[in-house]
């Protein structure tokens, strides 16, 4: 008679083995799902359209170099466009805004209808020249802000004590950034909770651990001594890579930003510019998708 093989495995060990197998299968499925979602999110439209226009014409994707070339043609006094490369390829586009010539404006959901505002509406209905978005929202409730959203003194959504660590605020003289712990309602006329901070007091404020996280398209805003800096990555990037390259580029051109905060990623990313003749919108991100909040700039009276 043949002798069977005996496994000396206790009940507890057997349970742990089964749990490990099930967890591995579950984690693999989650990784596949997350990878699929990231692949979907990585499709960000960009292009240029004549006004008036319908949303159907906005679903184009332009090569980053071509988009930056087109965007750079919209420079005017007070709005300067920068191309930032990594390894010889376009990585980011920046809009340097002179706050003596342009004033910041925060627009968005009214708190009741939650209708939000699109980039095209912000530019045309509010008289803005450039907009960037957006405020933080959940994927399920895309027009419900997560954290503070205050517009012209009215609080649409309350400050969140944990999570997003910065508050980006609008006042008559320009933009400001404070930590969420230091914020109180009287500091800014309008404000949005953002984060994490990419640059704080002129130094990189993101750990290298961020390099292990997924890459996303980004929009970010900097406060730079009388100037605002609006930025959008043209390729998916880690925030650490964004901050490091941004500081390098600013040093190259002799500029400095005290504070830079992350504003949005992937589906919420939008940067749009209205041409000086107000007939054409050049956009990166969905120009006709409603956002809970958008930051914009318009020319000050007398300029």
Foldseek 3Di string as FASTA:
>chain_A
DDDDDDDPDDPVRVVVVVVVVVVVVVVVVVVVVVVVVQVVLQQWFFDKDFPPDDLVVGRHHDAPVVLLVVVQVQDDVQWHKDFFDDPPHTWKIKIKGQLVFKFKFKDFQPLPPLPFAFQLCCCPVVVFFKKWDDADDDPVSQSQHDAWWAHQLRTSDHHDPDDQFKKWAGAGSHIDIDTSVPDDSPPHRTIGGFDDWQAAQQHGDDDPVQVPDDFWWFWKWFAFVSIIMTMTTPGTDGSPVVSVSVSVVCVVVVTTTNTMGTHDTRQTTKMWGQHPVRGMITMIGRRPDGGRMMMGMHTDPPD
